[in-house]
């Protein structure tokens, strides 16, 4: 079995910056900022939405979808969905255009720093199914978050092979997947 954990690095080739490349984003995407600055928070979410709507999936997203790889993503950009995958969105998603147009409560906003992430248990359960001869692909995912490190650790403790694809994910994801499948690893 192959499961992929993806982070911002997978979406760079789609023209999206990582949080490290956007000073101040982490500070705006936290519960305290939302409570103190609701209008500024809402504007930052709307701006993210607009950026994400014009971005298109790159070959890394498409390869994961084509091969039917189960995905756990820390991204909220929706590119896996645009590529045809149904990921477990560990950090939620960006609000839909309908929610924005109708000025609905941002209940589907990204999970904020300082909040519980409701999809973490789903992600952990998926990773616990990995065992010997299974693969965890870590694609463009930093080690900044506890969940990213927990997923790596649990997979390794269960005997799964952890393969990091941090550089040139847009090319290397398909190459690694093709090689794993040629070697007889089942998706």
Protein backbone atom coordinates (compact mmCIF):
# COMPACT_ATOMS: atom_id res chain seq x y z
CA UNK A 1 0.00 0.00 0.00
CA UNK A 2 1.14 3.54 -0.72
CA UNK A 3 -0.08 6.61 1.17
CA UNK A 4 1.12 10.14 0.45
CA UNK A 5 1.50 12.97 2.91
CA UNK A 6 1.66 16.27 1.05
CA UNK A 7 2.58 19.78 2.07
CA UNK A 8 3.09 23.16 0.46
CA UNK A 9 6.11 21.97 -1.53
CA UNK A 10 3.90 19.93 -3.86
CA UNK A 11 2.00 23.05 -4.91
CA UNK A 12 4.99 25.31 -5.61
CA UNK A 13 5.07 24.27 -9.27
CA UNK A 14 1.43 25.38 -9.49
CA UNK A 15 2.53 28.90 -8.64
CA UNK A 16 1.60 28.85 -4.95
CA UNK A 17 4.06 30.05 -2.35
CA UNK A 18 4.77 28.17 0.84
CA UNK A 19 3.95 29.87 4.12
CA UNK A 20 7.68 30.39 4.63
CA UNK A 21 7.66 32.49 1.45
CA UNK A 22 4.72 34.61 2.66
CA UNK A 23 5.78 36.56 5.73
CA UNK A 24 2.98 37.10 8.22
CA UNK A 25 0.63 34.37 6.97
CA UNK A 26 1.19 32.12 9.98
CA UNK A 27 0.42 35.06 12.27
CA UNK A 28 -2.86 35.76 10.43
CA UNK A 29 -3.99 32.14 10.38
CA UNK A 30 -4.32 31.72 14.10
CA UNK A 31 -7.26 31.82 16.44
CA UNK A 32 -6.05 34.86 18.36
CA UNK A 33 -5.68 36.94 15.18
CA UNK A 34 -9.20 35.92 14.06
CA UNK A 35 -10.68 36.96 17.41
CA UNK A 36 -8.87 40.32 17.47
CA UNK A 37 -9.05 41.15 13.74
CA UNK A 38 -12.04 39.41 12.13
CA UNK A 39 -12.17 41.68 9.08
CA UNK A 40 -8.46 41.38 8.33
CA UNK A 41 -8.71 37.62 8.83
CA UNK A 42 -11.66 37.40 6.43
CA UNK A 43 -9.79 39.46 3.82
CA UNK A 44 -6.73 37.22 4.06
CA UNK A 45 -8.90 34.12 3.57
CA UNK A 46 -10.64 35.72 0.59
CA UNK A 47 -7.26 36.58 -0.95
CA UNK A 48 -6.08 32.99 -0.46
CA UNK A 49 -9.29 31.74 -2.06
CA UNK A 50 -8.73 33.91 -5.13
CA UNK A 51 -5.14 32.66 -5.52
CA UNK A 52 -6.19 29.03 -5.13
CA UNK A 53 -9.04 29.27 -7.63
CA UNK A 54 -6.71 30.23 -10.49
CA UNK A 55 -4.01 27.69 -9.59
CA UNK A 56 -4.02 24.41 -11.47
CA UNK A 57 -2.76 21.01 -10.34
CA UNK A 58 0.71 20.10 -11.51
CA UNK A 59 2.00 16.68 -12.55
CA UNK A 60 2.65 15.63 -8.96
CA UNK A 61 -1.04 16.14 -8.10
CA UNK A 62 -2.08 14.44 -11.34
CA UNK A 63 0.22 11.43 -10.82
CA UNK A 64 -1.17 10.80 -7.33
CA UNK A 65 -4.71 10.97 -8.73
CA UNK A 66 -3.92 8.77 -11.75
CA UNK A 67 -2.44 6.04 -9.57
CA UNK A 68 -5.21 6.32 -6.98
CA UNK A 69 -2.87 6.99 -4.09
CA UNK A 70 -4.56 7.78 -0.79
CA UNK A 71 -3.54 11.31 0.22
CA UNK A 72 -3.24 13.04 3.54
CA UNK A 73 -2.64 16.71 2.84
CA UNK A 74 -1.71 19.63 5.01
CA UNK A 75 -2.66 21.94 2.11
CA UNK A 76 -5.90 23.87 1.92
CA UNK A 77 -5.48 24.85 -1.74
CA UNK A 78 -7.86 22.28 -3.28
CA UNK A 79 -5.39 21.19 -5.97
CA UNK A 80 -5.67 17.51 -5.09
CA UNK A 81 -9.43 17.74 -5.57
CA UNK A 82 -8.99 19.56 -8.89
CA UNK A 83 -6.69 16.70 -9.98
CA UNK A 84 -9.39 14.15 -9.12
CA UNK A 85 -8.24 12.89 -5.71
CA UNK A 86 -10.27 12.77 -2.51
CA UNK A 87 -7.69 13.59 0.14
CA UNK A 88 -8.01 13.69 3.88
CA UNK A 89 -7.58 17.43 4.42
CA UNK A 90 -5.68 17.54 7.70
CA UNK A 91 -5.92 21.33 7.95
CA UNK A 92 -9.36 21.77 6.44
CA UNK A 93 -10.07 23.63 3.23
CA UNK A 94 -10.53 27.17 2.04
CA UNK A 95 -14.16 28.38 1.97
CA UNK A 96 -16.09 27.76 -1.23
CA UNK A 97 -17.15 30.58 -3.55
CA UNK A 98 -20.74 30.04 -2.33
CA UNK A 99 -19.70 30.57 1.28
CA UNK A 100 -17.81 33.71 0.33
CA UNK A 101 -20.56 35.10 -1.97
CA UNK A 102 -23.18 34.59 0.71
CA UNK A 103 -20.96 35.91 3.50
CA UNK A 104 -21.50 32.72 5.45
CA UNK A 105 -19.59 31.95 8.61
CA UNK A 106 -16.20 30.58 7.63
CA UNK A 107 -16.92 27.20 9.20
CA UNK A 108 -14.98 25.51 6.41
CA UNK A 109 -12.04 27.87 6.75
CA UNK A 110 -8.58 26.37 7.22
CA UNK A 111 -7.83 24.94 10.63
CA UNK A 112 -6.05 27.70 12.48
CA UNK A 113 -2.96 27.58 14.62
CA UNK A 114 -4.27 27.12 18.17
CA UNK A 115 -7.31 25.06 17.13
CA UNK A 116 -7.94 21.35 17.18
CA UNK A 117 -7.74 19.72 13.76
CA UNK A 118 -10.79 17.45 13.38
CA UNK A 119 -9.27 15.35 10.58
CA UNK A 120 -6.10 14.41 12.46
CA UNK A 121 -7.64 11.20 13.86
CA UNK A 122 -8.66 10.13 10.33
CA UNK A 123 -5.12 10.73 9.10
CA UNK A 124 -3.59 8.83 12.00
CA UNK A 125 -5.96 5.88 11.44
CA UNK A 126 -4.98 5.73 7.78
CA UNK A 127 -1.28 5.72 8.65
CA UNK A 128 -1.75 3.00 11.27
CA UNK A 129 -2.83 0.68 8.43
CA UNK A 130 0.67 0.87 6.93
CA UNK A 131 3.01 -1.97 7.76
CA UNK A 132 6.02 -3.83 6.49
CA UNK A 133 6.45 -3.45 2.71
CA UNK A 134 4.10 -0.44 2.63
CA UNK A 135 5.22 3.06 1.64
CA UNK A 136 4.63 6.53 3.00
CA UNK A 137 5.54 9.14 0.40
CA UNK A 138 6.22 12.51 2.01
CA UNK A 139 5.91 15.06 -0.77
CA UNK A 140 6.80 18.68 -0.14
CA UNK A 141 5.90 18.41 3.54
CA UNK A 142 8.02 20.24 6.08
CA UNK A 143 8.64 19.13 9.62
CA UNK A 144 7.10 22.30 11.13
CA UNK A 145 3.90 20.66 12.29
CA UNK A 146 3.42 18.01 14.93
CA UNK A 147 1.09 16.02 12.66
CA UNK A 148 3.69 15.83 9.90
CA UNK A 149 6.24 14.41 12.32
CA UNK A 150 3.71 12.09 13.97
CA UNK A 151 2.70 10.62 10.61
CA UNK A 152 6.32 9.95 9.67
CA UNK A 153 7.03 8.40 13.08
CA UNK A 154 3.95 6.15 13.12
CA UNK A 155 4.61 4.90 9.60
CA UNK A 156 8.24 4.08 10.44
CA UNK A 157 7.31 2.42 13.75
CA UNK A 158 4.84 0.20 11.88
CA UNK A 159 7.62 -0.90 9.53
CA UNK A 160 6.60 1.17 6.50
CA UNK A 161 9.26 2.71 4.31
CA UNK A 162 9.20 6.51 4.43
CA UNK A 163 10.30 8.08 1.16
CA UNK A 164 10.85 11.83 1.17
CA UNK A 165 10.28 13.79 -2.06
CA UNK A 166 11.21 17.30 -1.07
CA UNK A 167 13.03 18.54 -4.16
CA UNK A 168 11.38 18.91 -7.58
CA UNK A 169 8.18 17.16 -6.50
CA UNK A 170 6.50 17.93 -9.82
CA UNK A 171 8.89 15.56 -11.63
CA UNK A 172 10.03 13.18 -8.91
CA UNK A 173 6.56 12.14 -7.68
CA UNK A 174 5.64 10.40 -10.94
CA UNK A 175 9.10 8.82 -11.26
CA UNK A 176 8.98 7.42 -7.72
CA UNK A 177 5.42 6.13 -8.17
CA UNK A 178 6.27 4.43 -11.47
CA UNK A 179 9.34 2.77 -9.92
CA UNK A 180 7.36 1.56 -6.89
CA UNK A 181 4.64 0.10 -9.07
CA UNK A 182 7.22 -1.60 -11.32
CA UNK A 183 8.70 -3.10 -8.14
CA UNK A 184 5.32 -4.61 -7.32
CA UNK A 185 4.15 -2.25 -4.60
CA UNK A 186 0.35 -2.06 -4.63
CA UNK A 187 -1.41 1.26 -4.44
